[in-house]
Amino acid sequence: VHVEVPQNSNIVKCHEQIDLCEKLLYEKLDIS
């Protein structure tokens, strides 16, 4: 999936949030 973020976001922080989101989706819905 493509996720939209403000272009002035902190890239490192945004990447961390994406990792957390992927992990949460796997734990919650059993989907990679």
PDB file of all heavy atoms in Angstrom:
ATOM      1  N   VAL A   1       0.837  -1.184   0.000  1.00  0.00           N
ATOM      2  CA  VAL A   1       0.000   0.000   0.000  1.00  0.00           C
ATOM      3  C   VAL A   1       0.879   1.244   0.000  1.00  0.00           C
ATOM      4  O   VAL A   1       2.003   1.213   0.520  1.00  0.00           O
ATOM      5  CB  VAL A   1      -0.939   0.002   1.238  1.00  0.00           C
ATOM      6  CG1 VAL A   1      -0.135   0.083   2.531  1.00  0.00           C
ATOM      7  CG2 VAL A   1      -1.958   1.127   1.164  1.00  0.00           C
ATOM      8  N   HIS A   2       0.396   2.303  -0.617  1.00  0.00           N
ATOM      9  CA  HIS A   2       1.087   3.589  -0.605  1.00  0.00           C
ATOM     10  C   HIS A   2       0.449   4.475   0.464  1.00  0.00           C
ATOM     11  O   HIS A   2      -0.774   4.614   0.509  1.00  0.00           O
ATOM     12  CB  HIS A   2       0.981   4.275  -1.966  1.00  0.00           C
ATOM     13  CG  HIS A   2       1.783   3.603  -3.029  1.00  0.00           C
ATOM     14  ND1 HIS A   2       2.403   4.301  -4.046  1.00  0.00           N
ATOM     15  CD2 HIS A   2       2.082   2.298  -3.252  1.00  0.00           C
ATOM     16  CE1 HIS A   2       3.044   3.453  -4.841  1.00  0.00           C
ATOM     17  NE2 HIS A   2       2.848   2.231  -4.375  1.00  0.00           N
ATOM     18  N   VAL A   3       1.285   5.064   1.303  1.00  0.00           N
ATOM     19  CA  VAL A   3       0.811   5.942   2.379  1.00  0.00           C
ATOM     20  C   VAL A   3       1.303   7.361   2.126  1.00  0.00           C
ATOM     21  O   VAL A   3       2.495   7.573   1.875  1.00  0.00           O
ATOM     22  CB  VAL A   3       1.312   5.437   3.754  1.00  0.00           C
ATOM     23  CG1 VAL A   3       0.981   6.448   4.836  1.00  0.00           C
ATOM     24  CG2 VAL A   3       0.693   4.092   4.075  1.00  0.00           C
ATOM     25  N   GLU A   4       0.387   8.306   2.166  1.00  0.00           N
ATOM     26  CA  GLU A   4       0.735   9.704   1.934  1.00  0.00           C
ATOM     27  C   GLU A   4       1.153  10.384   3.232  1.00  0.00           C
ATOM     28  O   GLU A   4       0.494  10.210   4.261  1.00  0.00           O
ATOM     29  CB  GLU A   4      -0.458  10.439   1.323  1.00  0.00           C
ATOM     30  CG  GLU A   4      -0.875   9.878  -0.036  1.00  0.00           C
ATOM     31  CD  GLU A   4      -2.156  10.503  -0.544  1.00  0.00           C
ATOM     32  OE1 GLU A   4      -2.795  11.256   0.217  1.00  0.00           O
ATOM     33  OE2 GLU A   4      -2.531  10.231  -1.704  1.00  0.00           O
ATOM     34  N   VAL A   5       2.259  11.136   3.162  1.00  0.00           N
ATOM     35  CA  VAL A   5       2.762  11.891   4.312  1.00  0.00           C
ATOM     36  C   VAL A   5       3.120  13.302   3.854  1.00  0.00           C
ATOM     37  O   VAL A   5       3.431  13.517   2.665  1.00  0.00           O
ATOM     38  CB  VAL A   5       4.000  11.202   4.931  1.00  0.00           C
ATOM     39  CG1 VAL A   5       3.665   9.808   5.423  1.00  0.00           C
ATOM     40  CG2 VAL A   5       5.152  11.154   3.927  1.00  0.00           C
ATOM     41  N   PRO A   6       3.054  14.282   4.725  1.00  0.00           N
ATOM     42  CA  PRO A   6       3.481  15.637   4.347  1.00  0.00           C
ATOM     43  C   PRO A   6       4.932  15.629   3.874  1.00  0.00           C
ATOM     44  O   PRO A   6       5.781  14.951   4.475  1.00  0.00           O
ATOM     45  CB  PRO A   6       3.320  16.439   5.640  1.00  0.00           C
ATOM     46  CG  PRO A   6       2.298  15.677   6.428  1.00  0.00           C
ATOM     47  CD  PRO A   6       2.532  14.240   6.112  1.00  0.00           C
ATOM     48  N   GLN A   7       5.224  16.364   2.815  1.00  0.00           N
ATOM     49  CA  GLN A   7       6.563  16.298   2.226  1.00  0.00           C
ATOM     50  C   GLN A   7       7.644  16.905   3.125  1.00  0.00           C
ATOM     51  O   GLN A   7       8.829  16.640   2.918  1.00  0.00           O
ATOM     52  CB  GLN A   7       6.573  16.992   0.864  1.00  0.00           C
ATOM     53  CG  GLN A   7       6.332  18.494   0.911  1.00  0.00           C
ATOM     54  CD  GLN A   7       6.371  19.114  -0.480  1.00  0.00           C
ATOM     55  OE1 GLN A   7       6.239  18.421  -1.484  1.00  0.00           O
ATOM     56  NE2 GLN A   7       6.565  20.426  -0.542  1.00  0.00           N
ATOM     57  N   ASN A   8       7.247  17.692   4.118  1.00  0.00           N
ATOM     58  CA  ASN A   8       8.243  18.255   5.036  1.00  0.00           C
ATOM     59  C   ASN A   8       8.424  17.394   6.287  1.00  0.00           C
ATOM     60  O   ASN A   8       9.027  17.838   7.269  1.00  0.00           O
ATOM     61  CB  ASN A   8       7.849  19.688   5.429  1.00  0.00           C
ATOM     62  CG  ASN A   8       6.467  19.751   6.082  1.00  0.00           C
ATOM     63  OD1 ASN A   8       5.757  18.752   6.122  1.00  0.00           O
ATOM     64  ND2 ASN A   8       6.102  20.923   6.587  1.00  0.00           N
ATOM     65  N   SER A   9       7.915  16.152   6.261  1.00  0.00           N
ATOM     66  CA  SER A   9       8.049  15.257   7.428  1.00  0.00           C
ATOM     67  C   SER A   9       9.496  14.833   7.613  1.00  0.00           C
ATOM     68  O   SER A   9      10.292  14.778   6.653  1.00  0.00           O
ATOM     69  CB  SER A   9       7.181  14.005   7.243  1.00  0.00           C
ATOM     70  OG  SER A   9       5.823  14.334   7.146  1.00  0.00           O
ATOM     71  N   ASN A  10       9.818  14.506   8.851  1.00  0.00           N
ATOM     72  CA  ASN A  10      11.138  13.953   9.154  1.00  0.00           C
ATOM     73  C   ASN A  10      11.198  12.529   8.600  1.00  0.00           C
ATOM     74  O   ASN A  10      10.434  11.658   9.010  1.00  0.00           O
ATOM     75  CB  ASN A  10      11.358  13.947  10.672  1.00  0.00           C
ATOM     76  CG  ASN A  10      12.744  13.455  11.044  1.00  0.00           C
ATOM     77  OD1 ASN A  10      13.083  12.312  10.818  1.00  0.00           O
ATOM     78  ND2 ASN A  10      13.536  14.347  11.640  1.00  0.00           N
ATOM     79  N   ILE A  11      12.099  12.292   7.663  1.00  0.00           N
ATOM     80  CA  ILE A  11      12.144  11.002   6.961  1.00  0.00           C
ATOM     81  C   ILE A  11      12.422   9.851   7.928  1.00  0.00           C
ATOM     82  O   ILE A  11      11.801   8.792   7.850  1.00  0.00           O
ATOM     83  CB  ILE A  11      13.215  11.038   5.847  1.00  0.00           C
ATOM     84  CG1 ILE A  11      12.818  12.047   4.768  1.00  0.00           C
ATOM     85  CG2 ILE A  11      13.385   9.658   5.228  1.00  0.00           C
ATOM     86  CD1 ILE A  11      13.809  12.183   3.649  1.00  0.00           C
ATOM     87  N   VAL A  12      13.354  10.055   8.841  1.00  0.00           N
ATOM     88  CA  VAL A  12      13.717   8.989   9.785  1.00  0.00           C
ATOM     89  C   VAL A  12      12.523   8.634  10.675  1.00  0.00           C
ATOM     90  O   VAL A  12      12.187   7.457  10.864  1.00  0.00           O
ATOM     91  CB  VAL A  12      14.920   9.415  10.647  1.00  0.00           C
ATOM     92  CG1 VAL A  12      15.202   8.355  11.709  1.00  0.00           C
ATOM     93  CG2 VAL A  12      16.155   9.630   9.768  1.00  0.00           C
ATOM     94  N   LYS A  13      11.859   9.654  11.194  1.00  0.00           N
ATOM     95  CA  LYS A  13      10.699   9.414  12.054  1.00  0.00           C
ATOM     96  C   LYS A  13       9.575   8.747  11.269  1.00  0.00           C
ATOM     97  O   LYS A  13       8.899   7.836  11.769  1.00  0.00           O
ATOM     98  CB  LYS A  13      10.211  10.733  12.653  1.00  0.00           C
ATOM     99  CG  LYS A  13       9.043  10.555  13.608  1.00  0.00           C
ATOM    100  CD  LYS A  13       8.572  11.893  14.178  1.00  0.00           C
ATOM    101  CE  LYS A  13       7.366  11.687  15.095  1.00  0.00           C
ATOM    102  NZ  LYS A  13       6.855  12.980  15.639  1.00  0.00           N
ATOM    103  N   CYS A  14       9.397   9.202  10.036  1.00  0.00           N
ATOM    104  CA  CYS A  14       8.342   8.640   9.199  1.00  0.00           C
ATOM    105  C   CYS A  14       8.613   7.160   8.909  1.00  0.00           C
ATOM    106  O   CYS A  14       7.703   6.337   8.927  1.00  0.00           O
ATOM    107  CB  CYS A  14       8.266   9.418   7.894  1.00  0.00           C
ATOM    108  SG  CYS A  14       6.684   9.273   7.072  1.00  0.00           S
ATOM    109  N   HIS A  15       9.861   6.837   8.668  1.00  0.00           N
ATOM    110  CA  HIS A  15      10.235   5.444   8.414  1.00  0.00           C
ATOM    111  C   HIS A  15       9.980   4.583   9.645  1.00  0.00           C
ATOM    112  O   HIS A  15       9.525   3.432   9.533  1.00  0.00           O
ATOM    113  CB  HIS A  15      11.712   5.374   8.002  1.00  0.00           C
ATOM    114  CG  HIS A  15      12.168   4.000   7.626  1.00  0.00           C
ATOM    115  ND1 HIS A  15      12.713   3.126   8.534  1.00  0.00           N
ATOM    116  CD2 HIS A  15      12.127   3.349   6.434  1.00  0.00           C
ATOM    117  CE1 HIS A  15      13.013   1.999   7.931  1.00  0.00           C
ATOM    118  NE2 HIS A  15      12.665   2.100   6.652  1.00  0.00           N
ATOM    119  N   GLU A  16      10.260   5.128  10.814  1.00  0.00           N
ATOM    120  CA  GLU A  16       9.996   4.394  12.060  1.00  0.00           C
ATOM    121  C   GLU A  16       8.510   4.112  12.218  1.00  0.00           C
ATOM    122  O   GLU A  16       8.108   3.003  12.621  1.00  0.00           O
ATOM    123  CB  GLU A  16      10.507   5.203  13.255  1.00  0.00           C
ATOM    124  CG  GLU A  16      12.024   5.279  13.355  1.00  0.00           C
ATOM    125  CD  GLU A  16      12.468   6.174  14.500  1.00  0.00           C
ATOM    126  OE1 GLU A  16      11.592   6.855  15.082  1.00  0.00           O
ATOM    127  OE2 GLU A  16      13.683   6.207  14.788  1.00  0.00           O
ATOM    128  N   GLN A  17       7.671   5.103  11.886  1.00  0.00           N
ATOM    129  CA  GLN A  17       6.222   4.923  11.995  1.00  0.00           C
ATOM    130  C   GLN A  17       5.711   3.879  11.006  1.00  0.00           C
ATOM    131  O   GLN A  17       4.809   3.099  11.315  1.00  0.00           O
ATOM    132  CB  GLN A  17       5.514   6.263  11.757  1.00  0.00           C
ATOM    133  CG  GLN A  17       5.769   7.306  12.839  1.00  0.00           C
ATOM    134  CD  GLN A  17       5.295   6.833  14.211  1.00  0.00           C
ATOM    135  OE1 GLN A  17       4.130   6.507  14.398  1.00  0.00           O
ATOM    136  NE2 GLN A  17       6.204   6.795  15.162  1.00  0.00           N
ATOM    137  N   ILE A  18       6.304   3.843   9.826  1.00  0.00           N
ATOM    138  CA  ILE A  18       5.915   2.841   8.828  1.00  0.00           C
ATOM    139  C   ILE A  18       6.271   1.439   9.314  1.00  0.00           C
ATOM    140  O   ILE A  18       5.477   0.503   9.186  1.00  0.00           O
ATOM    141  CB  ILE A  18       6.594   3.147   7.474  1.00  0.00           C
ATOM    142  CG1 ILE A  18       5.907   4.341   6.815  1.00  0.00           C
ATOM    143  CG2 ILE A  18       6.556   1.930   6.550  1.00  0.00           C
ATOM    144  CD1 ILE A  18       6.547   4.795   5.532  1.00  0.00           C
ATOM    145  N   ASP A  19       7.448   1.288   9.908  1.00  0.00           N
ATOM    146  CA  ASP A  19       7.841  -0.008  10.470  1.00  0.00           C
ATOM    147  C   ASP A  19       6.875  -0.453  11.561  1.00  0.00           C
ATOM    148  O   ASP A  19       6.471  -1.628  11.619  1.00  0.00           O
ATOM    149  CB  ASP A  19       9.261   0.061  11.039  1.00  0.00           C
ATOM    150  CG  ASP A  19      10.326   0.038   9.952  1.00  0.00           C
ATOM    151  OD1 ASP A  19       9.983  -0.331   8.807  1.00  0.00           O
ATOM    152  OD2 ASP A  19      11.482   0.381  10.241  1.00  0.00           O
ATOM    153  N   LEU A  20       6.503   0.491  12.424  1.00  0.00           N
ATOM    154  CA  LEU A  20       5.556   0.175  13.503  1.00  0.00           C
ATOM    155  C   LEU A  20       4.191  -0.213  12.934  1.00  0.00           C
ATOM    156  O   LEU A  20       3.536  -1.133  13.435  1.00  0.00           O
ATOM    157  CB  LEU A  20       5.414   1.378  14.446  1.00  0.00           C
ATOM    158  CG  LEU A  20       6.606   1.683  15.358  1.00  0.00           C
ATOM    159  CD1 LEU A  20       6.367   3.002  16.113  1.00  0.00           C
ATOM    160  CD2 LEU A  20       6.826   0.544  16.353  1.00  0.00           C
ATOM    161  N   CYS A  21       3.777   0.485  11.892  1.00  0.00           N
ATOM    162  CA  CYS A  21       2.481   0.209  11.270  1.00  0.00           C
ATOM    163  C   CYS A  21       2.476  -1.178  10.631  1.00  0.00           C
ATOM    164  O   CYS A  21       1.502  -1.930  10.779  1.00  0.00           O
ATOM    165  CB  CYS A  21       2.174   1.279  10.235  1.00  0.00           C
ATOM    166  SG  CYS A  21       0.521   1.146   9.519  1.00  0.00           S
ATOM    167  N   GLU A  22       3.538  -1.529   9.941  1.00  0.00           N
ATOM    168  CA  GLU A  22       3.633  -2.859   9.326  1.00  0.00           C
ATOM    169  C   GLU A  22       3.579  -3.945  10.386  1.00  0.00           C
ATOM    170  O   GLU A  22       2.904  -4.976  10.212  1.00  0.00           O
ATOM    171  CB  GLU A  22       4.935  -2.972   8.520  1.00  0.00           C
ATOM    172  CG  GLU A  22       4.956  -2.119   7.263  1.00  0.00           C
ATOM    173  CD  GLU A  22       6.301  -2.131   6.569  1.00  0.00           C
ATOM    174  OE1 GLU A  22       7.310  -2.531   7.213  1.00  0.00           O
ATOM    175  OE2 GLU A  22       6.367  -1.734   5.389  1.00  0.00           O
ATOM    176  N   LYS A  23       4.266  -3.716  11.498  1.00  0.00           N
ATOM    177  CA  LYS A  23       4.273  -4.693  12.597  1.00  0.00           C
ATOM    178  C   LYS A  23       2.876  -4.820  13.214  1.00  0.00           C
ATOM    179  O   LYS A  23       2.403  -5.935  13.504  1.00  0.00           O
ATOM    180  CB  LYS A  23       5.282  -4.266  13.656  1.00  0.00           C
ATOM    181  CG  LYS A  23       5.510  -5.271  14.782  1.00  0.00           C
ATOM    182  CD  LYS A  23       6.658  -4.815  15.688  1.00  0.00           C
ATOM    183  CE  LYS A  23       6.975  -5.849  16.763  1.00  0.00           C
ATOM    184  NZ  LYS A  23       5.874  -6.034  17.713  1.00  0.00           N
ATOM    185  N   LEU A  24       2.196  -3.681  13.393  1.00  0.00           N
ATOM    186  CA  LEU A  24       0.853  -3.690  13.980  1.00  0.00           C
ATOM    187  C   LEU A  24      -0.139  -4.416  13.074  1.00  0.00           C
ATOM    188  O   LEU A  24      -0.987  -5.190  13.557  1.00  0.00           O
ATOM    189  CB  LEU A  24       0.389  -2.253  14.219  1.00  0.00           C
ATOM    190  CG  LEU A  24      -1.012  -2.083  14.832  1.00  0.00           C
ATOM    191  CD1 LEU A  24      -1.094  -2.763  16.195  1.00  0.00           C
ATOM    192  CD2 LEU A  24      -1.361  -0.599  14.964  1.00  0.00           C
ATOM    193  N   LEU A  25      -0.041  -4.201  11.770  1.00  0.00           N
ATOM    194  CA  LEU A  25      -0.931  -4.872  10.828  1.00  0.00           C
ATOM    195  C   LEU A  25      -0.751  -6.385  10.870  1.00  0.00           C
ATOM    196  O   LEU A  25      -1.726  -7.143  10.787  1.00  0.00           O
ATOM    197  CB  LEU A  25      -0.685  -4.358   9.407  1.00  0.00           C
ATOM    198  CG  LEU A  25      -1.210  -2.955   9.102  1.00  0.00           C
ATOM    199  CD1 LEU A  25      -0.631  -2.441   7.792  1.00  0.00           C
ATOM    200  CD2 LEU A  25      -2.736  -2.956   9.036  1.00  0.00           C
ATOM    201  N   TYR A  26       0.489  -6.827  11.015  1.00  0.00           N
ATOM    202  CA  TYR A  26       0.749  -8.266  11.079  1.00  0.00           C
ATOM    203  C   TYR A  26       0.188  -8.870  12.366  1.00  0.00           C
ATOM    204  O   TYR A  26      -0.436  -9.940  12.346  1.00  0.00           O
ATOM    205  CB  TYR A  26       2.250  -8.544  10.981  1.00  0.00           C
ATOM    206  CG  TYR A  26       2.575 -10.013  10.963  1.00  0.00           C
ATOM    207  CD1 TYR A  26       2.419 -10.762   9.796  1.00  0.00           C
ATOM    208  CD2 TYR A  26       3.022 -10.662  12.118  1.00  0.00           C
ATOM    209  CE1 TYR A  26       2.707 -12.112   9.779  1.00  0.00           C
ATOM    210  CE2 TYR A  26       3.300 -12.019  12.107  1.00  0.00           C
ATOM    211  CZ  TYR A  26       3.150 -12.740  10.936  1.00  0.00           C
ATOM    212  OH  TYR A  26       3.416 -14.089  10.930  1.00  0.00           O
ATOM    213  N   GLU A  27       0.397  -8.173  13.477  1.00  0.00           N
ATOM    214  CA  GLU A  27      -0.088  -8.686  14.759  1.00  0.00           C
ATOM    215  C   GLU A  27      -1.612  -8.663  14.845  1.00  0.00           C
ATOM    216  O   GLU A  27      -2.229  -9.566  15.411  1.00  0.00           O
ATOM    217  CB  GLU A  27       0.504  -7.851  15.900  1.00  0.00           C
ATOM    218  CG  GLU A  27       2.013  -8.006  16.063  1.00  0.00           C
ATOM    219  CD  GLU A  27       2.577  -7.051  17.094  1.00  0.00           C
ATOM    220  OE1 GLU A  27       1.832  -6.139  17.524  1.00  0.00           O
ATOM    221  OE2 GLU A  27       3.756  -7.222  17.479  1.00  0.00           O
ATOM    222  N   LYS A  28      -2.210  -7.631  14.266  1.00  0.00           N
ATOM    223  CA  LYS A  28      -3.661  -7.448  14.378  1.00  0.00           C
ATOM    224  C   LYS A  28      -4.436  -8.270  13.357  1.00  0.00           C
ATOM    225  O   LYS A  28      -5.477  -8.864  13.686  1.00  0.00           O
ATOM    226  CB  LYS A  28      -3.978  -5.958  14.204  1.00  0.00           C
ATOM    227  CG  LYS A  28      -5.438  -5.590  14.372  1.00  0.00           C
ATOM    228  CD  LYS A  28      -5.629  -4.083  14.197  1.00  0.00           C
ATOM    229  CE  LYS A  28      -7.096  -3.686  14.290  1.00  0.00           C
ATOM    230  NZ  LYS A  28      -7.289  -2.225  14.104  1.00  0.00           N
ATOM    231  N   LEU A  29      -3.933  -8.319  12.109  1.00  0.00           N
ATOM    232  CA  LEU A  29      -4.693  -8.938  11.022  1.00  0.00           C
ATOM    233  C   LEU A  29      -4.010 -10.165  10.424  1.00  0.00           C
ATOM    234  O   LEU A  29      -4.551 -10.781   9.504  1.00  0.00           O
ATOM    235  CB  LEU A  29      -4.939  -7.906   9.908  1.00  0.00           C
ATOM    236  CG  LEU A  29      -5.643  -6.610  10.338  1.00  0.00           C
ATOM    237  CD1 LEU A  29      -5.698  -5.631   9.166  1.00  0.00           C
ATOM    238  CD2 LEU A  29      -7.054  -6.919  10.834  1.00  0.00           C
ATOM    239  N   ASP A  30      -2.830 -10.519  10.923  1.00  0.00           N
ATOM    240  CA  ASP A  30      -2.080 -11.667  10.411  1.00  0.00           C
ATOM    241  C   ASP A  30      -1.821 -11.529   8.909  1.00  0.00           C
ATOM    242  O   ASP A  30      -2.023 -12.452   8.127  1.00  0.00           O
ATOM    243  CB  ASP A  30      -2.836 -12.972  10.702  1.00  0.00           C
ATOM    244  CG  ASP A  30      -1.953 -14.197  10.491  1.00  0.00           C
ATOM    245  OD1 ASP A  30      -0.733 -14.072  10.661  1.00  0.00           O
ATOM    246  OD2 ASP A  30      -2.494 -15.265  10.136  1.00  0.00           O
ATOM    247  N   ILE A  31      -1.393 -10.339   8.508  1.00  0.00           N
ATOM    248  CA  ILE A  31      -1.103 -10.085   7.105  1.00  0.00           C
ATOM    249  C   ILE A  31       0.196  -9.294   6.996  1.00  0.00           C
ATOM    250  O   ILE A  31       0.415  -8.324   7.716  1.00  0.00           O
ATOM    251  CB  ILE A  31      -2.276  -9.321   6.442  1.00  0.00           C
ATOM    252  CG1 ILE A  31      -1.978  -9.040   4.976  1.00  0.00           C
ATOM    253  CG2 ILE A  31      -2.601  -8.037   7.169  1.00  0.00           C
ATOM    254  CD1 ILE A  31      -3.182  -8.514   4.223  1.00  0.00           C
ATOM    255  N   SER A  32       1.081  -9.737   6.110  1.00  0.00           N
ATOM    256  CA  SER A  32       2.365  -9.062   5.904  1.00  0.00           C
ATOM    257  C   SER A  32       2.172  -7.927   4.899  1.00  0.00           C
ATOM    258  O   SER A  32       1.772  -8.173   3.750  1.00  0.00           O
ATOM    259  CB  SER A  32       3.408 -10.044   5.386  1.00  0.00           C
ATOM    260  OG  SER A  32       3.638 -11.073   6.333  1.00  0.00           O
TER     261      SER A  32
END
